[in-house]
Amino acid sequence: MGSVIEIGFQLNWKQPVLVGEGDLCDTAILGPRAGLKYLQDSLPLRSGKTYWNAINECSAALRHGRDLDRSRVSFIAAYAECMVKIDGH
């Protein structure tokens, strides 16, 4: 029989990350689960080292309870990089 892999679906960051389109940041990303979903479903650009690092860090936080702050920082970096590329700055 295989082993059971525990997933931390209820893990939340100490502070949410606000995301949105343009100047309107109206969506709160509360933790690595929501961060992973946003990265995979809503982020307009899904490539690059920063993006994949955020995917890996959020996944690791869910699977292993790894450093939540690290997954948050990685999510912010991927989101910020995407916004800079989209805005052309």
PDB file of N, CA and C in Angstrom:
ATOM      1  N   MET A   1       0.846  -1.176   0.000  1.00  0.00           N
ATOM      2  CA  MET A   1       0.000   0.000   0.000  1.00  0.00           C
ATOM      3  C   MET A   1       0.892   1.240   0.000  1.00  0.00           C
ATOM      4  N   GLY A   2       0.511   2.256  -0.740  1.00  0.00           N
ATOM      5  CA  GLY A   2       1.287   3.494  -0.848  1.00  0.00           C
ATOM      6  C   GLY A   2       1.172   4.356   0.389  1.00  0.00           C
ATOM      7  N   SER A   3       2.066   5.296   0.478  1.00  0.00           N
ATOM      8  CA  SER A   3       2.034   6.217   1.612  1.00  0.00           C
ATOM      9  C   SER A   3       1.090   7.381   1.324  1.00  0.00           C
ATOM     10  N   VAL A   4       0.626   8.003   2.377  1.00  0.00           N
ATOM     11  CA  VAL A   4      -0.282   9.139   2.263  1.00  0.00           C
ATOM     12  C   VAL A   4       0.541  10.422   2.280  1.00  0.00           C
ATOM     13  N   ILE A   5       0.281  11.287   1.317  1.00  0.00           N
ATOM     14  CA  ILE A   5       0.957  12.579   1.262  1.00  0.00           C
ATOM     15  C   ILE A   5       0.001  13.624   1.806  1.00  0.00           C
ATOM     16  N   GLU A   6       0.387  14.237   2.908  1.00  0.00           N
ATOM     17  CA  GLU A   6      -0.460  15.273   3.491  1.00  0.00           C
ATOM     18  C   GLU A   6      -0.267  16.580   2.738  1.00  0.00           C
ATOM     19  N   ILE A   7      -1.373  17.250   2.460  1.00  0.00           N
ATOM     20  CA  ILE A   7      -1.354  18.527   1.758  1.00  0.00           C
ATOM     21  C   ILE A   7      -1.929  19.586   2.694  1.00  0.00           C
ATOM     22  N   GLY A   8      -1.239  20.708   2.818  1.00  0.00           N
ATOM     23  CA  GLY A   8      -1.680  21.775   3.716  1.00  0.00           C
ATOM     24  C   GLY A   8      -2.571  22.789   3.025  1.00  0.00           C
ATOM     25  N   PHE A   9      -3.814  22.395   2.726  1.00  0.00           N
ATOM     26  CA  PHE A   9      -4.712  23.287   1.996  1.00  0.00           C
ATOM     27  C   PHE A   9      -5.083  24.540   2.783  1.00  0.00           C
ATOM     28  N   GLN A  10      -5.023  24.482   4.092  1.00  0.00           N
ATOM     29  CA  GLN A  10      -5.443  25.621   4.909  1.00  0.00           C
ATOM     30  C   GLN A  10      -4.287  26.522   5.327  1.00  0.00           C
ATOM     31  N   LEU A  11      -3.123  26.335   4.747  1.00  0.00           N
ATOM     32  CA  LEU A  11      -1.978  27.179   5.083  1.00  0.00           C
ATOM     33  C   LEU A  11      -2.168  28.575   4.508  1.00  0.00           C
ATOM     34  N   ASN A  12      -2.053  29.573   5.353  1.00  0.00           N
ATOM     35  CA  ASN A  12      -2.171  30.962   4.903  1.00  0.00           C
ATOM     36  C   ASN A  12      -0.921  31.744   5.274  1.00  0.00           C
ATOM     37  N   TRP A  13      -0.643  32.763   4.468  1.00  0.00           N
ATOM     38  CA  TRP A  13       0.464  33.667   4.754  1.00  0.00           C
ATOM     39  C   TRP A  13       0.055  34.626   5.872  1.00  0.00           C
ATOM     40  N   LYS A  14       1.036  35.210   6.547  1.00  0.00           N
ATOM     41  CA  LYS A  14       0.754  36.181   7.609  1.00  0.00           C
ATOM     42  C   LYS A  14       0.035  37.400   7.048  1.00  0.00           C
ATOM     43  N   GLN A  15       0.409  37.794   5.845  1.00  0.00           N
ATOM     44  CA  GLN A  15      -0.219  38.929   5.157  1.00  0.00           C
ATOM     45  C   GLN A  15      -0.652  38.465   3.771  1.00  0.00           C
ATOM     46  N   PRO A  16      -1.869  38.794   3.347  1.00  0.00           N
ATOM     47  CA  PRO A  16      -2.270  38.442   1.982  1.00  0.00           C
ATOM     48  C   PRO A  16      -1.512  39.289   0.964  1.00  0.00           C
ATOM     49  N   VAL A  17      -1.496  38.831  -0.268  1.00  0.00           N
ATOM     50  CA  VAL A  17      -0.912  39.587  -1.376  1.00  0.00           C
ATOM     51  C   VAL A  17      -2.072  40.061  -2.240  1.00  0.00           C
ATOM     52  N   LEU A  18      -2.155  41.369  -2.471  1.00  0.00           N
ATOM     53  CA  LEU A  18      -3.227  41.927  -3.291  1.00  0.00           C
ATOM     54  C   LEU A  18      -2.787  41.968  -4.745  1.00  0.00           C
ATOM     55  N   VAL A  19      -3.617  41.417  -5.615  1.00  0.00           N
ATOM     56  CA  VAL A  19      -3.330  41.382  -7.047  1.00  0.00           C
ATOM     57  C   VAL A  19      -4.540  41.906  -7.805  1.00  0.00           C
ATOM     58  N   GLY A  20      -4.327  42.240  -9.050  1.00  0.00           N
ATOM     59  CA  GLY A  20      -5.424  42.714  -9.886  1.00  0.00           C
ATOM     60  C   GLY A  20      -4.911  43.178 -11.223  1.00  0.00           C
ATOM     61  N   GLU A  21      -5.767  43.865 -11.939  1.00  0.00           N
ATOM     62  CA  GLU A  21      -5.409  44.375 -13.256  1.00  0.00           C
ATOM     63  C   GLU A  21      -5.309  45.890 -13.212  1.00  0.00           C
ATOM     64  N   GLY A  22      -4.300  46.417 -13.890  1.00  0.00           N
ATOM     65  CA  GLY A  22      -4.113  47.862 -13.907  1.00  0.00           C
ATOM     66  C   GLY A  22      -3.824  48.379 -12.514  1.00  0.00           C
ATOM     67  N   ASP A  23      -4.490  49.473 -12.162  1.00  0.00           N
ATOM     68  CA  ASP A  23      -4.296  50.075 -10.842  1.00  0.00           C
ATOM     69  C   ASP A  23      -5.215  49.479  -9.783  1.00  0.00           C
ATOM     70  N   LEU A  24      -6.103  48.580 -10.179  1.00  0.00           N
ATOM     71  CA  LEU A  24      -7.072  47.999  -9.253  1.00  0.00           C
ATOM     72  C   LEU A  24      -6.580  46.646  -8.740  1.00  0.00           C
ATOM     73  N   CYS A  25      -6.136  46.613  -7.509  1.00  0.00           N
ATOM     74  CA  CYS A  25      -5.715  45.368  -6.862  1.00  0.00           C
ATOM     75  C   CYS A  25      -6.834  44.939  -5.923  1.00  0.00           C
ATOM     76  N   ASP A  26      -7.757  44.157  -6.463  1.00  0.00           N
ATOM     77  CA  ASP A  26      -8.973  43.836  -5.726  1.00  0.00           C
ATOM     78  C   ASP A  26      -9.098  42.362  -5.340  1.00  0.00           C
ATOM     79  N   THR A  27      -8.042  41.598  -5.548  1.00  0.00           N
ATOM     80  CA  THR A  27      -8.080  40.181  -5.205  1.00  0.00           C
ATOM     81  C   THR A  27      -6.994  39.887  -4.180  1.00  0.00           C
ATOM     82  N   ALA A  28      -7.393  39.283  -3.069  1.00  0.00           N
ATOM     83  CA  ALA A  28      -6.433  38.924  -2.024  1.00  0.00           C
ATOM     84  C   ALA A  28      -6.027  37.462  -2.183  1.00  0.00           C
ATOM     85  N   ILE A  29      -4.741  37.234  -2.322  1.00  0.00           N
ATOM     86  CA  ILE A  29      -4.192  35.880  -2.354  1.00  0.00           C
ATOM     87  C   ILE A  29      -3.731  35.582  -0.934  1.00  0.00           C
ATOM     88  N   LEU A  30      -4.378  34.609  -0.297  1.00  0.00           N
ATOM     89  CA  LEU A  30      -4.189  34.388   1.132  1.00  0.00           C
ATOM     90  C   LEU A  30      -3.062  33.434   1.496  1.00  0.00           C
ATOM     91  N   GLY A  31      -2.689  32.557   0.574  1.00  0.00           N
ATOM     92  CA  GLY A  31      -1.663  31.576   0.899  1.00  0.00           C
ATOM     93  C   GLY A  31      -1.172  30.840  -0.327  1.00  0.00           C
ATOM     94  N   PRO A  32      -0.338  29.821  -0.113  1.00  0.00           N
ATOM     95  CA  PRO A  32       0.265  29.125  -1.242  1.00  0.00           C
ATOM     96  C   PRO A  32      -0.729  28.396  -2.143  1.00  0.00           C
ATOM     97  N   ARG A  33      -1.819  27.910  -1.594  1.00  0.00           N
ATOM     98  CA  ARG A  33      -2.812  27.230  -2.444  1.00  0.00           C
ATOM     99  C   ARG A  33      -3.433  28.222  -3.419  1.00  0.00           C
ATOM    100  N   ALA A  34      -3.894  29.359  -2.912  1.00  0.00           N
ATOM    101  CA  ALA A  34      -4.478  30.391  -3.775  1.00  0.00           C
ATOM    102  C   ALA A  34      -3.417  30.969  -4.703  1.00  0.00           C
ATOM    103  N   GLY A  35      -2.182  31.087  -4.204  1.00  0.00           N
ATOM    104  CA  GLY A  35      -1.089  31.585  -5.028  1.00  0.00           C
ATOM    105  C   GLY A  35      -0.806  30.666  -6.198  1.00  0.00           C
ATOM    106  N   LEU A  36      -0.771  29.377  -5.939  1.00  0.00           N
ATOM    107  CA  LEU A  36      -0.531  28.390  -6.989  1.00  0.00           C
ATOM    108  C   LEU A  36      -1.646  28.424  -8.026  1.00  0.00           C
ATOM    109  N   LYS A  37      -2.875  28.494  -7.564  1.00  0.00           N
ATOM    110  CA  LYS A  37      -4.021  28.565  -8.484  1.00  0.00           C
ATOM    111  C   LYS A  37      -3.949  29.830  -9.337  1.00  0.00           C
ATOM    112  N   TYR A  38      -3.623  30.959  -8.722  1.00  0.00           N
ATOM    113  CA  TYR A  38      -3.517  32.216  -9.465  1.00  0.00           C
ATOM    114  C   TYR A  38      -2.399  32.136 -10.502  1.00  0.00           C
ATOM    115  N   LEU A  39      -1.255  31.615 -10.105  1.00  0.00           N
ATOM    116  CA  LEU A  39      -0.131  31.495 -11.037  1.00  0.00           C
ATOM    117  C   LEU A  39      -0.504  30.631 -12.240  1.00  0.00           C
ATOM    118  N   GLN A  40      -1.200  29.535 -12.000  1.00  0.00           N
ATOM    119  CA  GLN A  40      -1.524  28.592 -13.066  1.00  0.00           C
ATOM    120  C   GLN A  40      -2.720  29.013 -13.913  1.00  0.00           C
ATOM    121  N   ASP A  41      -3.667  29.734 -13.326  1.00  0.00           N
ATOM    122  CA  ASP A  41      -4.916  30.038 -14.036  1.00  0.00           C
ATOM    123  C   ASP A  41      -5.073  31.492 -14.465  1.00  0.00           C
ATOM    124  N   SER A  42      -4.488  32.419 -13.745  1.00  0.00           N
ATOM    125  CA  SER A  42      -4.799  33.832 -13.975  1.00  0.00           C
ATOM    126  C   SER A  42      -3.621  34.694 -14.410  1.00  0.00           C
ATOM    127  N   LEU A  43      -2.416  34.284 -14.118  1.00  0.00           N
ATOM    128  CA  LEU A  43      -1.255  35.093 -14.496  1.00  0.00           C
ATOM    129  C   LEU A  43      -1.119  35.071 -16.018  1.00  0.00           C
ATOM    130  N   PRO A  44      -1.053  36.235 -16.652  1.00  0.00           N
ATOM    131  CA  PRO A  44      -1.010  36.280 -18.117  1.00  0.00           C
ATOM    132  C   PRO A  44       0.240  35.635 -18.728  1.00  0.00           C
ATOM    133  N   LEU A  45       1.380  35.729 -18.045  1.00  0.00           N
ATOM    134  CA  LEU A  45       2.622  35.139 -18.551  1.00  0.00           C
ATOM    135  C   LEU A  45       3.019  33.978 -17.655  1.00  0.00           C
ATOM    136  N   ARG A  46       3.139  32.805 -18.238  1.00  0.00           N
ATOM    137  CA  ARG A  46       3.432  31.605 -17.450  1.00  0.00           C
ATOM    138  C   ARG A  46       4.719  30.943 -17.925  1.00  0.00           C
ATOM    139  N   SER A  47       5.814  31.665 -17.761  1.00  0.00           N
ATOM    140  CA  SER A  47       7.108  31.108 -18.141  1.00  0.00           C
ATOM    141  C   SER A  47       8.213  31.864 -17.410  1.00  0.00           C
ATOM    142  N   GLY A  48       9.398  31.318 -17.483  1.00  0.00           N
ATOM    143  CA  GLY A  48      10.552  31.976 -16.886  1.00  0.00           C
ATOM    144  C   GLY A  48      10.928  31.393 -15.542  1.00  0.00           C
ATOM    145  N   LYS A  49      12.156  31.668 -15.157  1.00  0.00           N
ATOM    146  CA  LYS A  49      12.712  31.133 -13.917  1.00  0.00           C
ATOM    147  C   LYS A  49      11.929  31.593 -12.684  1.00  0.00           C
ATOM    148  N   THR A  50      11.568  32.858 -12.640  1.00  0.00           N
ATOM    149  CA  THR A  50      10.853  33.394 -11.476  1.00  0.00           C
ATOM    150  C   THR A  50       9.479  32.753 -11.336  1.00  0.00           C
ATOM    151  N   TYR A  51       8.794  32.578 -12.466  1.00  0.00           N
ATOM    152  CA  TYR A  51       7.477  31.928 -12.462  1.00  0.00           C
ATOM    153  C   TYR A  51       7.595  30.495 -11.932  1.00  0.00           C
ATOM    154  N   TRP A  52       8.522  29.720 -12.489  1.00  0.00           N
ATOM    155  CA  TRP A  52       8.648  28.318 -12.084  1.00  0.00           C
ATOM    156  C   TRP A  52       9.151  28.187 -10.651  1.00  0.00           C
ATOM    157  N   ASN A  53       9.953  29.119 -10.202  1.00  0.00           N
ATOM    158  CA  ASN A  53      10.376  29.114  -8.806  1.00  0.00           C
ATOM    159  C   ASN A  53       9.166  29.311  -7.887  1.00  0.00           C
ATOM    160  N   ALA A  54       8.280  30.225  -8.255  1.00  0.00           N
ATOM    161  CA  ALA A  54       7.072  30.464  -7.455  1.00  0.00           C
ATOM    162  C   ALA A  54       6.168  29.232  -7.449  1.00  0.00           C
ATOM    163  N   ILE A  55       6.015  28.589  -8.601  1.00  0.00           N
ATOM    164  CA  ILE A  55       5.226  27.351  -8.678  1.00  0.00           C
ATOM    165  C   ILE A  55       5.821  26.312  -7.725  1.00  0.00           C
ATOM    166  N   ASN A  56       7.128  26.138  -7.792  1.00  0.00           N
ATOM    167  CA  ASN A  56       7.799  25.140  -6.948  1.00  0.00           C
ATOM    168  C   ASN A  56       7.697  25.472  -5.466  1.00  0.00           C
ATOM    169  N   GLU A  57       7.874  26.735  -5.105  1.00  0.00           N
ATOM    170  CA  GLU A  57       7.822  27.130  -3.690  1.00  0.00           C
ATOM    171  C   GLU A  57       6.412  26.994  -3.116  1.00  0.00           C
ATOM    172  N   CYS A  58       5.408  27.400  -3.876  1.00  0.00           N
ATOM    173  CA  CYS A  58       4.021  27.257  -3.400  1.00  0.00           C
ATOM    174  C   CYS A  58       3.651  25.784  -3.275  1.00  0.00           C
ATOM    175  N   SER A  59       4.062  24.975  -4.244  1.00  0.00           N
ATOM    176  CA  SER A  59       3.797  23.530  -4.188  1.00  0.00           C
ATOM    177  C   SER A  59       4.488  22.897  -2.990  1.00  0.00           C
ATOM    178  N   ALA A  60       5.739  23.273  -2.760  1.00  0.00           N
ATOM    179  CA  ALA A  60       6.492  22.726  -1.631  1.00  0.00           C
ATOM    180  C   ALA A  60       5.861  23.125  -0.300  1.00  0.00           C
ATOM    181  N   ALA A  61       5.372  24.348  -0.216  1.00  0.00           N
ATOM    182  CA  ALA A  61       4.711  24.797   1.016  1.00  0.00           C
ATOM    183  C   ALA A  61       3.472  23.950   1.286  1.00  0.00           C
ATOM    184  N   LEU A  62       2.736  23.624   0.244  1.00  0.00           N
ATOM    185  CA  LEU A  62       1.533  22.809   0.408  1.00  0.00           C
ATOM    186  C   LEU A  62       1.862  21.360   0.750  1.00  0.00           C
ATOM    187  N   ARG A  63       2.848  20.810   0.096  1.00  0.00           N
ATOM    188  CA  ARG A  63       3.193  19.398   0.296  1.00  0.00           C
ATOM    189  C   ARG A  63       3.963  19.149   1.582  1.00  0.00           C
ATOM    190  N   HIS A  64       4.861  20.040   1.912  1.00  0.00           N
ATOM    191  CA  HIS A  64       5.788  19.769   3.002  1.00  0.00           C
ATOM    192  C   HIS A  64       5.712  20.778   4.140  1.00  0.00           C
ATOM    193  N   GLY A  65       4.824  21.755   4.036  1.00  0.00           N
ATOM    194  CA  GLY A  65       4.758  22.784   5.059  1.00  0.00           C
ATOM    195  C   GLY A  65       6.029  23.615   5.107  1.00  0.00           C
ATOM    196  N   ARG A  66       6.723  23.676   3.950  1.00  0.00           N
ATOM    197  CA  ARG A  66       7.956  24.460   3.882  1.00  0.00           C
ATOM    198  C   ARG A  66       7.677  25.910   4.184  1.00  0.00           C
ATOM    199  N   ASP A  67       8.702  26.655   4.350  1.00  0.00           N
ATOM    200  CA  ASP A  67       8.652  28.060   4.724  1.00  0.00           C
ATOM    201  C   ASP A  67       7.573  28.832   3.957  1.00  0.00           C
ATOM    202  N   LEU A  68       6.528  29.226   4.648  1.00  0.00           N
ATOM    203  CA  LEU A  68       5.434  29.970   4.017  1.00  0.00           C
ATOM    204  C   LEU A  68       5.893  31.322   3.507  1.00  0.00           C
ATOM    205  N   ASP A  69       6.755  31.991   4.269  1.00  0.00           N
ATOM    206  CA  ASP A  69       7.246  33.305   3.830  1.00  0.00           C
ATOM    207  C   ASP A  69       8.008  33.197   2.516  1.00  0.00           C
ATOM    208  N   ARG A  70       8.739  32.124   2.359  1.00  0.00           N
ATOM    209  CA  ARG A  70       9.490  31.910   1.119  1.00  0.00           C
ATOM    210  C   ARG A  70       8.543  31.742  -0.069  1.00  0.00           C
ATOM    211  N   SER A  71       7.453  31.027   0.124  1.00  0.00           N
ATOM    212  CA  SER A  71       6.489  30.860  -0.970  1.00  0.00           C
ATOM    213  C   SER A  71       5.816  32.193  -1.292  1.00  0.00           C
ATOM    214  N   ARG A  72       5.572  33.006  -0.275  1.00  0.00           N
ATOM    215  CA  ARG A  72       4.959  34.324  -0.491  1.00  0.00           C
ATOM    216  C   ARG A  72       5.891  35.241  -1.277  1.00  0.00           C
ATOM    217  N   VAL A  73       7.160  35.280  -0.874  1.00  0.00           N
ATOM    218  CA  VAL A  73       8.146  36.116  -1.566  1.00  0.00           C
ATOM    219  C   VAL A  73       8.285  35.668  -3.022  1.00  0.00           C
ATOM    220  N   SER A  74       8.308  34.376  -3.255  1.00  0.00           N
ATOM    221  CA  SER A  74       8.419  33.852  -4.623  1.00  0.00           C
ATOM    222  C   SER A  74       7.192  34.206  -5.449  1.00  0.00           C
ATOM    223  N   PHE A  75       6.011  34.134  -4.839  1.00  0.00           N
ATOM    224  CA  PHE A  75       4.784  34.509  -5.539  1.00  0.00           C
ATOM    225  C   PHE A  75       4.831  35.989  -5.925  1.00  0.00           C
ATOM    226  N   ILE A  76       5.209  36.840  -4.975  1.00  0.00           N
ATOM    227  CA  ILE A  76       5.287  38.282  -5.242  1.00  0.00           C
ATOM    228  C   ILE A  76       6.273  38.564  -6.372  1.00  0.00           C
ATOM    229  N   ALA A  77       7.416  37.893  -6.357  1.00  0.00           N
ATOM    230  CA  ALA A  77       8.424  38.107  -7.402  1.00  0.00           C
ATOM    231  C   ALA A  77       7.878  37.733  -8.778  1.00  0.00           C
ATOM    232  N   ALA A  78       7.185  36.603  -8.874  1.00  0.00           N
ATOM    233  CA  ALA A  78       6.627  36.172 -10.160  1.00  0.00           C
ATOM    234  C   ALA A  78       5.537  37.127 -10.628  1.00  0.00           C
ATOM    235  N   TYR A  79       4.689  37.550  -9.707  1.00  0.00           N
ATOM    236  CA  TYR A  79       3.616  38.489 -10.053  1.00  0.00           C
ATOM    237  C   TYR A  79       4.207  39.823 -10.511  1.00  0.00           C
ATOM    238  N   ALA A  80       5.180  40.335  -9.757  1.00  0.00           N
ATOM    239  CA  ALA A  80       5.798  41.622 -10.094  1.00  0.00           C
ATOM    240  C   ALA A  80       6.510  41.553 -11.445  1.00  0.00           C
ATOM    241  N   GLU A  81       7.233  40.473 -11.688  1.00  0.00           N
ATOM    242  CA  GLU A  81       7.929  40.325 -12.968  1.00  0.00           C
ATOM    243  C   GLU A  81       6.939  40.309 -14.128  1.00  0.00           C
ATOM    244  N   CYS A  82       5.839  39.617 -13.954  1.00  0.00           N
ATOM    245  CA  CYS A  82       4.808  39.571 -14.990  1.00  0.00           C
ATOM    246  C   CYS A  82       4.231  40.954 -15.250  1.00  0.00           C
ATOM    247  N   MET A  83       3.928  41.690 -14.188  1.00  0.00           N
ATOM    248  CA  MET A  83       3.348  43.022 -14.348  1.00  0.00           C
ATOM    249  C   MET A  83       4.321  43.972 -15.046  1.00  0.00           C
ATOM    250  N   VAL A  84       5.605  43.872 -14.730  1.00  0.00           N
ATOM    251  CA  VAL A  84       6.612  44.717 -15.380  1.00  0.00           C
ATOM    252  C   VAL A  84       6.686  44.386 -16.867  1.00  0.00           C
ATOM    253  N   LYS A  85       6.686  43.102 -17.201  1.00  0.00           N
ATOM    254  CA  LYS A  85       6.752  42.697 -18.608  1.00  0.00           C
ATOM    255  C   LYS A  85       5.516  43.139 -19.382  1.00  0.00           C
ATOM    256  N   ILE A  86       4.354  43.047 -18.764  1.00  0.00           N
ATOM    257  CA  ILE A  86       3.108  43.446 -19.431  1.00  0.00           C
ATOM    258  C   ILE A  86       3.065  44.954 -19.634  1.00  0.00           C
ATOM    259  N   ASP A  87       3.475  45.700 -18.607  1.00  0.00           N
ATOM    260  CA  ASP A  87       3.444  47.164 -18.688  1.00  0.00           C
ATOM    261  C   ASP A  87       4.581  47.726 -19.522  1.00  0.00           C
ATOM    262  N   GLY A  88       5.569  46.902 -19.852  1.00  0.00           N
ATOM    263  CA  GLY A  88       6.684  47.344 -20.679  1.00  0.00           C
ATOM    264  C   GLY A  88       7.680  48.234 -19.985  1.00  0.00           C
ATOM    265  N   HIS A  89       7.796  48.103 -18.687  1.00  0.00           N
ATOM    266  CA  HIS A  89       8.750  48.932 -17.931  1.00  0.00           C
ATOM    267  C   HIS A  89      10.040  48.192 -17.733  1.00  0.00           C
TER     268      HIS A  89
END
